[in-house]
Every structure is written in structure tokens, then in C-alpha cells.
C-alpha atoms as a PDB file:
ATOM      1  CA  MET A   1     -26.002-108.057-129.611  1.00  0.00           C
ATOM      2  CA  MET A   2     -28.233-107.252-126.680  1.00  0.00           C
ATOM      3  CA  THR A   3     -31.719-108.307-127.036  1.00  0.00           C
ATOM      4  CA  THR A   4     -34.638-105.629-127.671  1.00  0.00           C
ATOM      5  CA  GLU A   5     -37.127-108.064-125.811  1.00  0.00           C
ATOM      6  CA  CYS A   6     -38.840-107.152-122.556  1.00  0.00           C
ATOM      7  CA  ILE A   7     -41.704-109.232-120.756  1.00  0.00           C
ATOM      8  CA  VAL A   8     -43.392-106.493-118.509  1.00  0.00           C
ATOM      9  CA  LEU A   9     -44.947-108.975-115.552  1.00  0.00           C
ATOM     10  CA  ALA A  10     -48.421-106.404-115.245  1.00  0.00           C
ATOM     11  CA  GLY A  11     -50.923-108.604-114.030  1.00  0.00           C
ATOM     12  CA  GLY A  12     -50.902-108.475-110.042  1.00  0.00           C
ATOM     13  CA  LEU A  13     -53.619-107.113-107.908  1.00  0.00           C
ATOM     14  CA  GLY A  14     -52.562-104.247-106.090  1.00  0.00           C
ATOM     15  CA  THR A  15     -54.347-105.375-102.952  1.00  0.00           C
ATOM     16  CA  ARG A  16     -52.021-103.267-100.567  1.00  0.00           C
ATOM     17  CA  LEU A  17     -52.496-100.133-102.970  1.00  0.00           C
ATOM     18  CA  ARG A  18     -56.189-100.728-102.516  1.00  0.00           C
ATOM     19  CA  SER A  19     -55.939 -97.548 -99.967  1.00  0.00           C
ATOM     20  CA  VAL A  20     -55.172 -95.349-102.740  1.00  0.00           C
ATOM     21  CA  VAL A  21     -55.427 -96.975-105.589  1.00  0.00           C
ATOM     22  CA  ALA A  22     -59.194 -98.329-105.861  1.00  0.00           C
ATOM     23  CA  ASP A  23     -60.215-100.390-108.751  1.00  0.00           C
ATOM     24  CA  LYS A  24     -56.736-100.792-110.823  1.00  0.00           C
ATOM     25  CA  PRO A  25     -53.915-102.819-112.015  1.00  0.00           C
ATOM     26  CA  LYS A  26     -51.023-102.120-110.056  1.00  0.00           C
ATOM     27  CA  CYS A  27     -48.909-100.760-113.045  1.00  0.00           C
ATOM     28  CA  MET A  28     -51.778 -98.321-113.560  1.00  0.00           C
ATOM     29  CA  ALA A  29     -52.023 -96.679-110.755  1.00  0.00           C
ATOM     30  CA  PRO A  30     -51.466 -93.128-111.486  1.00  0.00           C
ATOM     31  CA  ILE A  31     -48.317 -91.052-111.271  1.00  0.00           C
ATOM     32  CA  GLY A  32     -49.103 -87.793-111.848  1.00  0.00           C
ATOM     33  CA  SER A  33     -50.825 -87.894-114.820  1.00  0.00           C
ATOM     34  CA  GLN A  34     -49.965 -91.099-116.265  1.00  0.00           C
ATOM     35  CA  PRO A  35     -49.969 -94.438-114.691  1.00  0.00           C
ATOM     36  CA  PHE A  36     -47.236 -96.312-113.350  1.00  0.00           C
ATOM     37  CA  LEU A  37     -46.925 -97.954-117.115  1.00  0.00           C
ATOM     38  CA  TYR A  38     -45.798 -95.209-118.806  1.00  0.00           C
ATOM     39  CA  TYR A  39     -42.449 -94.740-116.696  1.00  0.00           C
ATOM     40  CA  LEU A  40     -41.929 -97.825-116.976  1.00  0.00           C
ATOM     41  CA  LEU A  41     -42.155 -98.186-120.853  1.00  0.00           C
ATOM     42  CA  HIS A  42     -40.321 -95.423-121.128  1.00  0.00           C
ATOM     43  CA  TYR A  43     -37.259 -96.284-119.260  1.00  0.00           C
ATOM     44  CA  LEU A  44     -37.955 -99.440-121.616  1.00  0.00           C
ATOM     45  CA  HIS A  45     -37.370 -97.722-124.812  1.00  0.00           C
ATOM     46  CA  LYS A  46     -34.270 -95.795-123.207  1.00  0.00           C
ATOM     47  CA  GLN A  47     -32.563 -98.456-122.686  1.00  0.00           C
ATOM     48  CA  GLY A  48     -32.541 -99.687-125.791  1.00  0.00           C
ATOM     49  CA  ILE A  49     -35.851-101.982-125.904  1.00  0.00           C
ATOM     50  CA  THR A  50     -38.227-101.855-129.086  1.00  0.00           C
ATOM     51  CA  HIS A  51     -40.716-104.928-127.985  1.00  0.00           C
ATOM     52  CA  ALA A  52     -42.627-104.774-124.609  1.00  0.00           C
ATOM     53  CA  ILE A  53     -44.723-108.144-123.738  1.00  0.00           C
ATOM     54  CA  LEU A  54     -46.901-107.358-120.921  1.00  0.00           C
ATOM     55  CA  SER A  55     -48.021-110.101-119.349  1.00  0.00           C
ATOM     56  CA  LEU A  56     -51.855-109.299-118.000  1.00  0.00           C
ATOM     57  CA  GLY A  57     -54.070-111.185-115.717  1.00  0.00           C
ATOM     58  CA  TYR A  58     -56.337-108.486-113.408  1.00  0.00           C
ATOM     59  CA  LYS A  59     -58.554-106.134-114.984  1.00  0.00           C
ATOM     60  CA  SER A  60     -56.310-106.541-118.510  1.00  0.00           C
ATOM     61  CA  GLU A  61     -59.051-104.490-120.490  1.00  0.00           C
ATOM     62  CA  GLN A  62     -57.809-101.726-118.913  1.00  0.00           C
ATOM     63  CA  VAL A  63     -54.133-101.624-119.618  1.00  0.00           C
ATOM     64  CA  ILE A  64     -54.870-102.722-123.385  1.00  0.00           C
ATOM     65  CA  GLU A  65     -57.653 -99.967-123.798  1.00  0.00           C
ATOM     66  CA  TRP A  66     -54.793 -97.583-122.050  1.00  0.00           C
ATOM     67  CA  CYS A  67     -51.975 -98.289-124.535  1.00  0.00           C
ATOM     68  CA  GLU A  68     -54.166 -98.612-127.331  1.00  0.00           C
ATOM     69  CA  GLN A  69     -55.291 -95.124-127.012  1.00  0.00           C
ATOM     70  CA  ASN A  70     -51.632 -93.511-126.178  1.00  0.00           C
ATOM     71  CA  GLU A  71     -49.150 -93.324-128.339  1.00  0.00           C
ATOM     72  CA  LEU A  72     -46.289 -95.411-126.833  1.00  0.00           C
ATOM     73  CA  PRO A  73     -42.539 -95.247-127.239  1.00  0.00           C
ATOM     74  CA  LEU A  74     -42.233 -98.593-128.444  1.00  0.00           C
ATOM     75  CA  ARG A  75     -44.383-102.093-129.676  1.00  0.00           C
ATOM     76  CA  VAL A  76     -46.244-103.608-127.335  1.00  0.00           C
ATOM     77  CA  SER A  77     -48.228-107.273-127.129  1.00  0.00           C
ATOM     78  CA  PHE A  78     -49.835-108.608-124.468  1.00  0.00           C
ATOM     79  CA  THR A  79     -51.155-112.206-123.474  1.00  0.00           C
ATOM     80  CA  VAL A  80     -53.714-112.485-120.338  1.00  0.00           C
ATOM     81  CA  GLU A  81     -53.511-115.051-117.877  1.00  0.00           C
ATOM     82  CA  PRO A  82     -56.443-117.602-118.613  1.00  0.00           C
ATOM     83  CA  GLU A  83     -56.569-117.551-114.581  1.00  0.00           C
ATOM     84  CA  PRO A  84     -54.068-116.811-111.811  1.00  0.00           C
ATOM     85  CA  LEU A  85     -50.934-118.817-113.191  1.00  0.00           C
ATOM     86  CA  GLY A  86     -48.314-117.533-109.883  1.00  0.00           C
ATOM     87  CA  THR A  87     -44.990-115.338-111.181  1.00  0.00           C
ATOM     88  CA  GLY A  88     -43.685-118.643-113.637  1.00  0.00           C
ATOM     89  CA  GLY A  89     -46.315-119.575-115.094  1.00  0.00           C
ATOM     90  CA  GLY A  90     -47.112-115.512-116.411  1.00  0.00           C
ATOM     91  CA  ILE A  91     -43.562-115.133-117.201  1.00  0.00           C
ATOM     92  CA  VAL A  92     -43.871-118.665-119.823  1.00  0.00           C
ATOM     93  CA  TYR A  93     -46.976-117.834-121.025  1.00  0.00           C
ATOM     94  CA  ALA A  94     -45.740-114.536-122.493  1.00  0.00           C
ATOM     95  CA  LEU A  95     -42.930-116.513-124.004  1.00  0.00           C
ATOM     96  CA  SER A  96     -45.131-117.240-126.741  1.00  0.00           C
ATOM     97  CA  LYS A  97     -45.080-113.466-127.911  1.00  0.00           C
ATOM     98  CA  VAL A  98     -41.161-113.318-127.194  1.00  0.00           C
ATOM     99  CA  GLU A  99     -39.691-113.469-131.181  1.00  0.00           C
ATOM    100  CA  ASN A 100     -36.136-113.610-130.328  1.00  0.00           C
ATOM    101  CA  ASP A 101     -34.155-116.050-127.748  1.00  0.00           C
ATOM    102  CA  ALA A 102     -32.980-113.871-125.873  1.00  0.00           C
ATOM    103  CA  VAL A 103     -35.727-111.838-122.942  1.00  0.00           C
ATOM    104  CA  PHE A 104     -35.322-108.934-120.216  1.00  0.00           C
ATOM    105  CA  ILE A 105     -37.942-109.798-117.558  1.00  0.00           C
ATOM    106  CA  VAL A 106     -39.347-107.066-115.285  1.00  0.00           C
ATOM    107  CA  ASN A 107     -41.527-106.583-112.859  1.00  0.00           C
ATOM    108  CA  GLY A 108     -44.718-103.862-114.010  1.00  0.00           C
ATOM    109  CA  ASP A 109     -44.633-102.318-109.927  1.00  0.00           C
ATOM    110  CA  THR A 110     -41.250-101.620-109.800  1.00  0.00           C
ATOM    111  CA  TYR A 111     -39.094 -99.125-111.637  1.00  0.00           C
ATOM    112  CA  PHE A 112     -35.403-100.159-111.223  1.00  0.00           C
ATOM    113  CA  ASP A 113     -32.902 -98.207-112.980  1.00  0.00           C
ATOM    114  CA  VAL A 114     -30.333-100.616-114.482  1.00  0.00           C
ATOM    115  CA  ASP A 115     -28.211 -99.795-117.349  1.00  0.00           C
ATOM    116  CA  LEU A 116     -29.288-103.164-119.487  1.00  0.00           C
ATOM    117  CA  ALA A 117     -26.250-102.829-122.080  1.00  0.00           C
ATOM    118  CA  GLY A 118     -24.081-103.482-119.342  1.00  0.00           C
ATOM    119  CA  PHE A 119     -26.163-106.458-117.265  1.00  0.00           C
ATOM    120  CA  ASN A 120     -26.146-107.632-120.758  1.00  0.00           C
ATOM    121  CA  ALA A 121     -22.623-107.923-120.673  1.00  0.00           C
ATOM    122  CA  PHE A 122     -22.433-108.724-117.807  1.00  0.00           C
ATOM    123  CA  HIS A 123     -24.710-112.087-118.418  1.00  0.00           C
ATOM    124  CA  GLN A 124     -22.888-113.133-121.615  1.00  0.00           C
ATOM    125  CA  GLN A 125     -19.184-112.869-119.276  1.00  0.00           C
ATOM    126  CA  HIS A 126     -20.616-115.088-117.319  1.00  0.00           C
ATOM    127  CA  GLY A 127     -22.259-117.248-119.571  1.00  0.00           C
ATOM    128  CA  SER A 128     -25.160-117.461-117.247  1.00  0.00           C
ATOM    129  CA  GLN A 129     -28.576-118.996-118.500  1.00  0.00           C
ATOM    130  CA  LEU A 130     -30.458-116.553-115.987  1.00  0.00           C
ATOM    131  CA  SER A 131     -29.442-113.356-114.529  1.00  0.00           C
ATOM    132  CA  LEU A 132     -30.669-110.798-112.014  1.00  0.00           C
ATOM    133  CA  ALA A 133     -30.131-107.577-111.143  1.00  0.00           C
ATOM    134  CA  LEU A 134     -29.737-106.936-107.334  1.00  0.00           C
ATOM    135  CA  LYS A 135     -30.202-103.437-105.241  1.00  0.00           C
ATOM    136  CA  PRO A 136     -28.323-102.757-102.344  1.00  0.00           C
ATOM    137  CA  MET A 137     -30.487-101.330 -99.700  1.00  0.00           C
ATOM    138  CA  GLN A 138     -29.951 -99.710 -96.276  1.00  0.00           C
ATOM    139  CA  ARG A 139     -32.178-100.490 -93.160  1.00  0.00           C
ATOM    140  CA  PHE A 140     -34.759-102.873 -94.464  1.00  0.00           C
ATOM    141  CA  ASP A 141     -37.161-105.432 -93.725  1.00  0.00           C
ATOM    142  CA  ARG A 142     -39.869-106.003 -96.700  1.00  0.00           C
ATOM    143  CA  TYR A 143     -37.821-107.348 -98.591  1.00  0.00           C
ATOM    144  CA  GLY A 144     -35.363-110.768 -98.621  1.00  0.00           C
ATOM    145  CA  THR A 145     -31.586-110.923 -99.488  1.00  0.00           C
ATOM    146  CA  VAL A 146     -29.622-112.080-101.945  1.00  0.00           C
ATOM    147  CA  THR A 147     -25.979-113.715-101.270  1.00  0.00           C
ATOM    148  CA  LEU A 148     -22.819-113.370-103.763  1.00  0.00           C
ATOM    149  CA  ASN A 149     -19.713-115.347-104.129  1.00  0.00           C
ATOM    150  CA  ASN A 150     -16.389-114.139-104.913  1.00  0.00           C
ATOM    151  CA  ASN A 151     -17.847-114.604-108.785  1.00  0.00           C
ATOM    152  CA  SER A 152     -20.974-112.824-108.346  1.00  0.00           C
ATOM    153  CA  GLY A 153     -22.366-116.236-108.618  1.00  0.00           C
ATOM    154  CA  ILE A 154     -26.002-115.925-106.123  1.00  0.00           C
ATOM    155  CA  THR A 155     -25.451-118.586-103.668  1.00  0.00           C
ATOM    156  CA  ALA A 156     -28.822-118.128-101.700  1.00  0.00           C
ATOM    157  CA  PHE A 157     -32.124-116.561-100.679  1.00  0.00           C
ATOM    158  CA  ARG A 158     -32.748-115.829 -97.429  1.00  0.00           C
ATOM    159  CA  GLU A 159     -36.126-114.576 -95.493  1.00  0.00           C
ATOM    160  CA  LYS A 160     -37.429-111.152 -94.991  1.00  0.00           C
ATOM    161  CA  GLN A 161     -35.825-110.016 -92.031  1.00  0.00           C
ATOM    162  CA  PHE A 162     -34.596-106.505 -90.817  1.00  0.00           C
ATOM    163  CA  MET A 163     -31.230-106.033 -91.905  1.00  0.00           C
ATOM    164  CA  GLU A 164     -28.835-102.628 -91.710  1.00  0.00           C
ATOM    165  CA  SER A 165     -27.480-103.346 -95.329  1.00  0.00           C
ATOM    166  CA  GLY A 166     -27.410-106.200 -97.871  1.00  0.00           C
ATOM    167  CA  LEU A 167     -29.014-106.833-101.906  1.00  0.00           C
ATOM    168  CA  ILE A 168     -32.490-107.844-102.612  1.00  0.00           C
ATOM    169  CA  ASN A 169     -33.656-108.900-105.983  1.00  0.00           C
ATOM    170  CA  GLY A 170     -35.017-106.206-108.200  1.00  0.00           C
ATOM    171  CA  GLY A 171     -37.231-107.786-110.162  1.00  0.00           C
ATOM    172  CA  ILE A 172     -35.483-107.595-113.075  1.00  0.00           C
ATOM    173  CA  TYR A 173     -33.739-110.322-115.266  1.00  0.00           C
ATOM    174  CA  LEU A 174     -31.736-111.779-118.344  1.00  0.00           C
ATOM    175  CA  THR A 175     -32.503-114.911-119.593  1.00  0.00           C
ATOM    176  CA  ALA A 176     -33.706-117.108-122.406  1.00  0.00           C
ATOM    177  CA  ALA A 177     -37.001-118.160-123.870  1.00  0.00           C
ATOM    178  CA  SER A 178     -35.433-122.189-124.952  1.00  0.00           C
ATOM    179  CA  TYR A 179     -33.956-122.448-121.847  1.00  0.00           C
ATOM    180  CA  LEU A 180     -36.970-121.541-119.705  1.00  0.00           C
ATOM    181  CA  LYS A 181     -38.954-123.575-122.106  1.00  0.00           C
ATOM    182  CA  GLY A 182     -36.840-126.552-121.746  1.00  0.00           C
ATOM    183  CA  LEU A 183     -37.113-126.652-117.973  1.00  0.00           C
ATOM    184  CA  HIS A 184     -40.718-128.200-119.137  1.00  0.00           C
ATOM    185  CA  LEU A 185     -42.147-126.265-115.635  1.00  0.00           C
ATOM    186  CA  PRO A 186     -45.500-126.624-114.418  1.00  0.00           C
ATOM    187  CA  GLU A 187     -48.550-123.902-115.822  1.00  0.00           C
ATOM    188  CA  LYS A 188     -48.727-122.745-112.454  1.00  0.00           C
ATOM    189  CA  PHE A 189     -45.699-121.998-110.236  1.00  0.00           C
ATOM    190  CA  SER A 190     -43.145-119.761-108.440  1.00  0.00           C
ATOM    191  CA  PHE A 191     -40.268-117.895-110.367  1.00  0.00           C
ATOM    192  CA  GLU A 192     -38.972-118.176-107.071  1.00  0.00           C
ATOM    193  CA  LYS A 193     -39.054-120.849-105.599  1.00  0.00           C
ATOM    194  CA  GLU A 194     -39.394-123.427-109.156  1.00  0.00           C
ATOM    195  CA  VAL A 195     -36.494-121.339-110.609  1.00  0.00           C
ATOM    196  CA  LEU A 196     -34.350-118.870-108.770  1.00  0.00           C
ATOM    197  CA  GLU A 197     -33.917-120.797-106.032  1.00  0.00           C
ATOM    198  CA  PRO A 198     -32.917-124.398-107.511  1.00  0.00           C
ATOM    199  CA  MET A 199     -30.248-122.671-109.418  1.00  0.00           C
ATOM    200  CA  ALA A 200     -28.858-120.923-107.182  1.00  0.00           C
ATOM    201  CA  ALA A 201     -28.600-123.691-104.996  1.00  0.00           C
ATOM    202  CA  ASN A 202     -27.064-125.549-108.234  1.00  0.00           C
ATOM    203  CA  GLY A 203     -24.756-122.609-108.730  1.00  0.00           C
ATOM    204  CA  GLN A 204     -26.150-121.819-111.825  1.00  0.00           C
ATOM    205  CA  LEU A 205     -27.172-118.526-110.740  1.00  0.00           C
ATOM    206  CA  TYR A 206     -25.533-114.925-110.864  1.00  0.00           C
ATOM    207  CA  GLY A 207     -26.659-111.658-109.663  1.00  0.00           C
ATOM    208  CA  PHE A 208     -25.843-108.221-111.282  1.00  0.00           C
ATOM    209  CA  VAL A 209     -25.721-105.444-108.789  1.00  0.00           C
ATOM    210  CA  SER A 210     -26.751-102.027-109.470  1.00  0.00           C
ATOM    211  CA  ASN A 211     -26.734 -99.353-107.305  1.00  0.00           C
ATOM    212  CA  THR A 212     -29.354 -97.564-109.318  1.00  0.00           C
ATOM    213  CA  TYR A 213     -32.569 -95.517-108.378  1.00  0.00           C
ATOM    214  CA  PHE A 214     -34.966 -98.093-106.969  1.00  0.00           C
ATOM    215  CA  ILE A 215     -39.377 -98.275-106.178  1.00  0.00           C
ATOM    216  CA  ASP A 216     -41.578-100.861-105.519  1.00  0.00           C
ATOM    217  CA  ILE A 217     -44.964 -98.734-105.477  1.00  0.00           C
ATOM    218  CA  GLY A 218     -46.342-102.051-103.727  1.00  0.00           C
ATOM    219  CA  ILE A 219     -46.880-100.037-100.659  1.00  0.00           C
ATOM    220  CA  PRO A 220     -48.826 -96.707 -99.922  1.00  0.00           C
ATOM    221  CA  GLU A 221     -45.528 -95.164 -99.006  1.00  0.00           C
ATOM    222  CA  ASP A 222     -43.212 -96.368-101.656  1.00  0.00           C
ATOM    223  CA  TYR A 223     -46.196 -95.568-104.355  1.00  0.00           C
ATOM    224  CA  GLU A 224     -46.200 -91.452-102.734  1.00  0.00           C
ATOM    225  CA  ALA A 225     -42.395 -91.307-103.257  1.00  0.00           C
ATOM    226  CA  ALA A 226     -43.116 -92.413-107.020  1.00  0.00           C
ATOM    227  CA  SER A 227     -44.474 -90.498-107.665  1.00  0.00           C
ATOM    228  CA  ASN A 228     -42.884 -87.651-105.980  1.00  0.00           C
ATOM    229  CA  TYR A 229     -39.848 -88.683-107.951  1.00  0.00           C
ATOM    230  CA  LEU A 230     -40.878 -90.397-111.348  1.00  0.00           C
ATOM    231  CA  PRO A 231     -42.765 -87.345-113.296  1.00  0.00           C
ATOM    232  CA  TYR A 232     -39.666 -85.081-112.649  1.00  0.00           C
ATOM    233  CA  ASN A 233     -36.814 -87.698-113.367  1.00  0.00           C
ATOM    234  CA  LEU A 234     -38.060 -89.279-116.772  1.00  0.00           C
END
């Protein structure tokens, strides 16, 4: 059985997008006639998700108002950080609205067309507590890279540098609420530094490679690329 719940991390400020998208959270950046969140929610619905928990922060009222005024393809709940809690704190704070144990987690500024059923089967096959989806990239320096062993175990995260080719963290995770709660993490923390890197060092983290469409709208060039793709390929 695949979980039908997903946390969407949508509290980002969108600082690097201010030149093209002023005064909006990144997930509300217009892509054609709709905000980026519209395409993300439709992707999740297509993949079998029925309940999305939006983890919000900056300008959360814009996101909530849009959701309440539009017909959405799935049920949506909200958590609003009282203050910035870091990438990990936002996830743990949102666990209060997760109704089952297993849960997907996606970044609210990234569209990665992963087959979630295939990802779920991979996760269960490896008996993993936490798995992430990885995207193969060519000639890049914007992202750090991830190294895998022959059993799809993640062995290391490497700093950003120019790479002819490599795997990057695509920002889609599958884990269990009980597992994250059991780690007794602080209120504010980095998911990457406090969870992913220690798990990789202990041989507990698995990477599902998906060479499907990926776009992160965090910089103006990729925001423009998303605007030229998503409205025509939903």
C-alpha cells in the first residue's frame, strides 16, 4: 500500500526571485495563469495523493486564501510556522496534521515528475526508514551531489562544485512520522545536516534515481523555464 499523504514545504521567502516575483512566497510565483503550487498539487493528485499538508511561513495568508478560493484536486491542510524553523523544523511541525504514519515530503518550489508508486515500492523493498528521489544532471554547479553504492544506499553528500554529471537531491522524500518523531530533534534544525547526513554516514539512507522532468524555480532562469513548460505539460 502506498501512502496518500504528502507534506509540501511551502514556507520559503523566494529571495532570489524578487527581481521577477515581488512579495510572494515561492510557491505562489505565477506560472502562466496559475501559481506554481497549482501545478504541484495537480502532480500530487495524478500520483495518487489525496491529502496535502502545506507547511507555510512567509506570507502564508496568500497561500491559504488562494487555496480557499479555488477548487483543488485534493484535500489540503495547513500548518504555519510561528517563526522560521529551518528545513527540518518545518517538516516536524507539519507532522501534527499527518493522519497516517508513512508520508511523502516535497519541496514547494520544485517540480520533479517522480513515479511515487515506484518510489514507494523501492522504499519498501529496501526496508528504508527514509528514502529520497535523486535526479541525474549534466554539466551543473548549482547543486551538491549525492553518491550511491551498488545497493542504492546513499554514502555521502558532496558540496556544490562544477560536475560533468552526477546525481542531485531532487527534494522528494518518503519516511514515517513515527520515525522522525522518534529522533527527538530540536524545534529548529536543518533536515540535511541533522537527519540526511547522519543517516547516510550510518548506511541508513536510500536513493531512488528518477531521470524525469525536474525544475527548481529558485532562480530567474529556471523560473522562466518552468513558465515555458508546465502550462503546456500538466
